[in-house]
Protein backbone atom coordinates (compact mmCIF):
# COMPACT_ATOMS: atom_id res chain seq x y z
CA UNK A 1 0.01 -0.01 0.01
CA UNK A 2 1.36 3.43 -0.98
CA UNK A 3 0.05 6.62 0.71
CA UNK A 4 -0.28 9.78 -1.34
CA UNK A 5 -1.12 13.20 0.00
CA UNK A 6 -3.85 14.84 -1.96
CA UNK A 7 -6.16 17.84 -1.94
CA UNK A 8 -9.24 16.67 -0.06
CA UNK A 9 -12.40 16.33 -2.15
CA UNK A 10 -14.17 18.96 -0.04
CA UNK A 11 -16.05 21.56 -2.06
CA UNK A 12 -14.11 24.85 -1.85
CA UNK A 13 -16.41 26.99 -3.98
CA UNK A 14 -19.71 26.71 -5.82
CA UNK A 15 -20.03 28.93 -8.91
CA UNK A 16 -23.30 30.75 -9.48
CA UNK A 17 -25.72 29.74 -12.24
CA UNK A 18 -24.21 26.26 -12.55
CA UNK A 19 -25.55 22.70 -11.97
CA UNK A 20 -23.82 22.65 -8.57
CA UNK A 21 -25.54 25.86 -7.54
CA UNK A 22 -28.93 24.63 -8.72
CA UNK A 23 -28.49 21.50 -6.63
CA UNK A 24 -27.50 23.72 -3.67
CA UNK A 25 -24.34 21.77 -2.94
CA UNK A 26 -22.89 22.99 0.38
CA UNK A 27 -19.38 24.37 0.48
CA UNK A 28 -17.20 22.35 2.82
CA UNK A 29 -18.88 19.00 2.30
CA UNK A 30 -16.78 16.11 1.02
CA UNK A 31 -17.56 14.52 -2.34
CA UNK A 32 -17.48 10.72 -1.95
CA UNK A 33 -19.26 9.53 -5.10
CA UNK A 34 -20.34 10.70 -8.53
CA UNK A 35 -23.27 8.78 -10.11
CA UNK A 36 -22.72 6.03 -7.51
CA UNK A 37 -19.02 5.64 -8.30
CA UNK A 38 -16.67 6.20 -5.37
CA UNK A 39 -14.14 9.06 -5.89
CA UNK A 40 -11.10 9.83 -3.71
CA UNK A 41 -9.40 12.59 -5.68
CA UNK A 42 -10.32 15.67 -7.69
CA UNK A 43 -8.79 13.97 -10.71
CA UNK A 44 -11.35 11.16 -10.33
CA UNK A 45 -14.16 13.68 -9.91
CA UNK A 46 -13.09 15.53 -13.07
CA UNK A 47 -12.94 12.23 -14.96
CA UNK A 48 -16.46 11.19 -13.87
CA UNK A 49 -17.95 14.55 -14.73
CA UNK A 50 -16.16 14.72 -18.12
CA UNK A 51 -17.76 11.39 -18.90
CA UNK A 52 -21.19 13.12 -18.88
CA UNK A 53 -20.17 15.57 -21.65
CA UNK A 54 -23.07 16.40 -23.99
CA UNK A 55 -25.70 14.80 -21.77
CA UNK A 56 -28.97 16.27 -20.54
CA UNK A 57 -29.90 14.57 -17.32
CA UNK A 58 -29.21 14.66 -13.56
CA UNK A 59 -25.78 14.02 -12.14
CA UNK A 60 -25.84 12.33 -8.71
CA UNK A 61 -23.39 13.83 -6.18
CA UNK A 62 -22.99 12.02 -2.87
CA UNK A 63 -21.56 14.18 -0.09
CA UNK A 64 -20.33 13.57 3.44
CA UNK A 65 -20.61 16.41 5.98
CA UNK A 66 -18.57 16.77 9.18
CA UNK A 67 -21.77 18.06 10.84
CA UNK A 68 -23.56 14.70 10.15
CA UNK A 69 -23.20 11.43 11.97
CA UNK A 70 -19.92 9.60 11.13
CA UNK A 71 -20.00 8.13 7.62
CA UNK A 72 -23.51 9.51 6.98
CA UNK A 73 -23.97 10.74 3.41
CA UNK A 74 -26.54 12.67 1.37
CA UNK A 75 -27.04 12.43 -2.35
CA UNK A 76 -27.95 15.48 -4.43
CA UNK A 77 -29.30 15.57 -7.99
CA UNK A 78 -27.70 18.27 -10.16
CA UNK A 79 -29.41 18.93 -13.53
CA UNK A 80 -27.22 19.29 -16.61
CA UNK A 81 -28.28 20.32 -20.09
CA UNK A 82 -25.98 19.55 -23.04
CA UNK A 83 -23.21 19.38 -20.47
CA UNK A 84 -19.98 21.16 -21.45
CA UNK A 85 -21.53 22.23 -24.72
CA UNK A 86 -22.87 25.57 -25.98
CA UNK A 87 -21.71 28.45 -23.82
CA UNK A 88 -19.79 26.00 -21.60
CA UNK A 89 -17.85 24.50 -24.52
CA UNK A 90 -14.11 24.80 -23.90
CA UNK A 91 -14.48 24.96 -20.07
CA UNK A 92 -13.20 22.06 -18.03
CA UNK A 93 -15.67 19.69 -16.37
CA UNK A 94 -15.31 21.10 -12.85
CA UNK A 95 -15.84 24.69 -13.92
CA UNK A 96 -18.76 23.70 -16.18
CA UNK A 97 -20.38 21.82 -13.35
CA UNK A 98 -19.67 24.67 -10.93
CA UNK A 99 -17.89 23.00 -7.97
CA UNK A 100 -14.24 23.66 -7.36
CA UNK A 101 -11.62 22.51 -4.85
CA UNK A 102 -10.10 24.77 -2.29
CA UNK A 103 -7.89 27.34 -3.97
CA UNK A 104 -5.76 30.05 -2.30
CA UNK A 105 -6.67 33.71 -2.21
CA UNK A 106 -3.89 35.39 -4.26
CA UNK A 107 -3.56 39.11 -4.64
CA UNK A 108 -4.26 40.07 -8.27
CA UNK A 109 -0.85 41.77 -8.68
CA UNK A 110 1.23 41.18 -11.81
CA UNK A 111 4.68 39.70 -10.90
CA UNK A 112 6.11 39.09 -14.36
CA UNK A 113 5.19 39.43 -18.03
CA UNK A 114 5.99 37.41 -21.08
CA UNK A 115 7.85 39.62 -23.58
CA UNK A 116 5.73 38.40 -26.51
CA UNK A 117 2.41 38.19 -24.61
CA UNK A 118 -0.68 40.31 -25.19
CA UNK A 119 -0.45 41.90 -21.71
CA UNK A 120 3.12 43.26 -22.33
CA UNK A 121 2.29 44.48 -25.80
CA UNK A 122 -0.90 46.20 -24.73
CA UNK A 123 0.42 48.10 -21.70
CA UNK A 124 0.17 45.93 -18.58
CA UNK A 125 3.12 46.38 -16.23
CA UNK A 126 4.82 44.48 -13.43
CA UNK A 127 3.32 45.66 -10.14
CA UNK A 128 -0.06 46.52 -11.59
CA UNK A 129 -3.01 45.42 -9.46
CA UNK A 130 -5.94 44.24 -11.54
CA UNK A 131 -9.12 45.70 -9.99
CA UNK A 132 -11.70 45.06 -12.75
CA UNK A 133 -12.14 43.33 -16.08
CA UNK A 134 -15.17 44.39 -18.20
CA UNK A 135 -16.68 46.08 -15.12
CA UNK A 136 -16.43 42.88 -13.09
CA UNK A 137 -14.63 43.54 -9.83
CA UNK A 138 -11.49 41.45 -9.39
CA UNK A 139 -10.56 40.58 -5.76
CA UNK A 140 -8.10 37.75 -6.43
CA UNK A 141 -5.90 36.37 -9.14
CA UNK A 142 -7.93 33.33 -9.91
CA UNK A 143 -11.04 35.43 -10.68
CA UNK A 144 -8.97 37.29 -13.26
CA UNK A 145 -7.66 34.13 -14.87
CA UNK A 146 -11.19 32.70 -15.27
CA UNK A 147 -12.32 35.73 -17.25
CA UNK A 148 -9.18 35.80 -19.38
CA UNK A 149 -9.39 32.08 -20.09
CA UNK A 150 -12.99 32.29 -21.14
CA UNK A 151 -12.41 35.07 -23.63
CA UNK A 152 -9.89 33.98 -26.27
CA UNK A 153 -9.58 36.71 -29.03
CA UNK A 154 -12.13 38.95 -27.27
CA UNK A 155 -11.10 42.46 -26.38
CA UNK A 156 -11.28 42.98 -22.62
CA UNK A 157 -11.39 46.28 -20.69
CA UNK A 158 -8.93 46.19 -17.77
CA UNK A 159 -8.78 48.57 -14.86
CA UNK A 160 -5.51 48.38 -12.96
CA UNK A 161 -4.12 50.35 -10.03
CA UNK A 162 -0.68 51.69 -10.84
CA UNK A 163 1.27 53.74 -8.27
CA UNK A 164 -2.04 54.45 -6.53
CA UNK A 165 -3.84 55.64 -9.69
CA UNK A 166 -6.41 53.78 -11.84
CA UNK A 167 -5.33 53.04 -15.40
CA UNK A 168 -7.59 51.80 -18.20
CA UNK A 169 -6.24 49.19 -20.67
CA UNK A 170 -7.67 47.12 -23.48
CA UNK A 171 -6.12 43.62 -23.79
CA UNK A 172 -7.09 40.84 -26.16
CA UNK A 173 -6.16 37.36 -24.87
CA UNK A 174 -4.40 35.23 -27.42
CA UNK A 175 -6.34 32.14 -28.42
CA UNK A 176 -4.70 28.85 -27.33
CA UNK A 177 -5.79 25.21 -27.33
CA UNK A 178 -5.43 22.77 -24.42
CA UNK A 179 -4.62 19.11 -24.83
CA UNK A 180 -8.27 18.32 -25.51
CA UNK A 181 -8.53 20.87 -28.31
CA UNK A 182 -10.54 23.37 -26.30
CA UNK A 183 -9.90 27.08 -26.87
CA UNK A 184 -8.80 29.33 -24.01
CA UNK A 185 -7.33 32.82 -23.65
CA UNK A 186 -3.91 33.76 -22.45
CA UNK A 187 -2.26 37.19 -22.01
CA UNK A 188 1.19 36.21 -20.73
CA UNK A 189 1.01 37.61 -17.20
CA UNK A 190 2.37 35.86 -14.10
CA UNK A 191 1.46 36.40 -10.49
CA UNK A 192 4.07 37.43 -7.96
CA UNK A 193 5.76 34.52 -6.12
CA UNK A 194 4.37 33.65 -2.69
CA UNK A 195 4.25 30.63 -0.46
CA UNK A 196 0.85 28.97 -0.07
CA UNK A 197 0.06 26.61 2.83
CA UNK A 198 -2.98 24.43 2.34
CA UNK A 199 -5.18 24.20 5.46
CA UNK A 200 -5.10 20.73 7.07
CA UNK A 201 -8.88 20.49 6.65
CA UNK A 202 -8.41 20.44 2.88
CA UNK A 203 -5.68 17.80 2.80
CA UNK A 204 -6.12 14.04 2.82
CA UNK A 205 -4.08 10.92 2.38
CA UNK A 206 -5.12 8.39 -0.26
CA UNK A 207 -3.76 4.86 -0.01
CA UNK A 208 -3.22 3.07 -3.32
CA UNK A 209 -2.94 -0.66 -3.86
CA UNK A 210 0.10 -2.23 -5.48
CA UNK A 211 -1.24 -1.82 -9.07
CA UNK A 212 -2.40 1.75 -8.50
CA UNK A 213 0.83 2.74 -6.77
CA UNK A 214 2.84 1.67 -9.85
CA UNK A 215 0.76 4.08 -11.97
CA UNK A 216 0.97 6.82 -9.38
CA UNK A 217 4.72 6.39 -8.77
CA UNK A 218 5.49 9.21 -11.15
CA UNK A 219 3.35 11.71 -9.28
CA UNK A 220 4.67 13.99 -6.54
CA UNK A 221 3.37 12.74 -3.21
CA UNK A 222 4.20 15.88 -1.29
CA UNK A 223 3.09 18.54 -3.78
CA UNK A 224 0.09 19.58 -1.63
CA UNK A 225 1.76 20.12 1.75
CA UNK A 226 3.30 23.52 1.08
CA UNK A 227 3.08 24.92 -2.41
CA UNK A 228 4.42 28.02 -4.06
CA UNK A 229 2.45 29.72 -6.80
CA UNK A 230 4.86 28.46 -9.40
CA UNK A 231 4.36 24.82 -8.33
CA UNK A 232 0.56 24.72 -8.49
CA UNK A 233 -0.64 23.67 -11.97
CA UNK A 234 -1.10 26.07 -14.82
CA UNK A 235 -4.30 28.10 -14.72
CA UNK A 236 -4.06 29.29 -18.30
CA UNK A 237 -0.76 27.84 -19.61
CA UNK A 238 -0.13 26.06 -22.87
CA UNK A 239 -0.47 22.64 -21.30
CA UNK A 240 -3.55 23.40 -19.19
CA UNK A 241 -5.60 20.20 -19.25
CA UNK A 242 -8.69 21.03 -17.19
CA UNK A 243 -7.52 19.21 -14.09
CA UNK A 244 -7.63 20.96 -10.74
CA UNK A 245 -3.88 20.61 -10.02
CA UNK A 246 -2.01 23.24 -12.06
CA UNK A 247 1.70 24.05 -12.32
CA UNK A 248 1.38 27.81 -11.74
CA UNK A 249 -1.08 30.64 -11.96
CA UNK A 250 0.09 32.17 -15.21
CA UNK A 251 -2.56 33.81 -17.36
């Protein structure tokens, strides 16, 4: 048996106007099964949800709450319509469904810029704090990356705070394709380095059998204990694959 430290399958955020929101899934509860299939990792959750692509039906989500009796569970029915198609096409399964793992709150301050990226060419500077995109208030880096990713080749209006003064910019994210052929936007901006410690409540240890451990032997078993921004999986990078673990928070 091989133990592997993972991000716990507790719901960290429910996005509005999504199947997860319609089912009223409670933040903080642990996901234990999708459509009756046991899941132990967010990778497994993503896989099960992606398997429902294009369907119009209910997705069964079985949750376990710390406030309930030990091992007690409750199953919710989340309605999906042409799942991951239409307006949701190009989004990963977790975002389309609307339930996300715990993610750190990162200040939306630009730490570095790619020389050939749209951000650099169109006036964004290191040290700029992104405060709004298309009149949507930005409070953290991840909120900015979601908007950028969802708007390839669409001109976006940025408001940034530079030396204490608001500056207006127009930036068009470059269109990229992930490994599944889905389009996403990228502007070539990187967040400032910082150390991120995951709360113990959102960590768990998964024990794999002999066969599973052979497959998992190439994965980092300590990547979730203390992570830097640059070690977290790419939010909007060229090899972004829709999984919840990402190599950094570049956009």
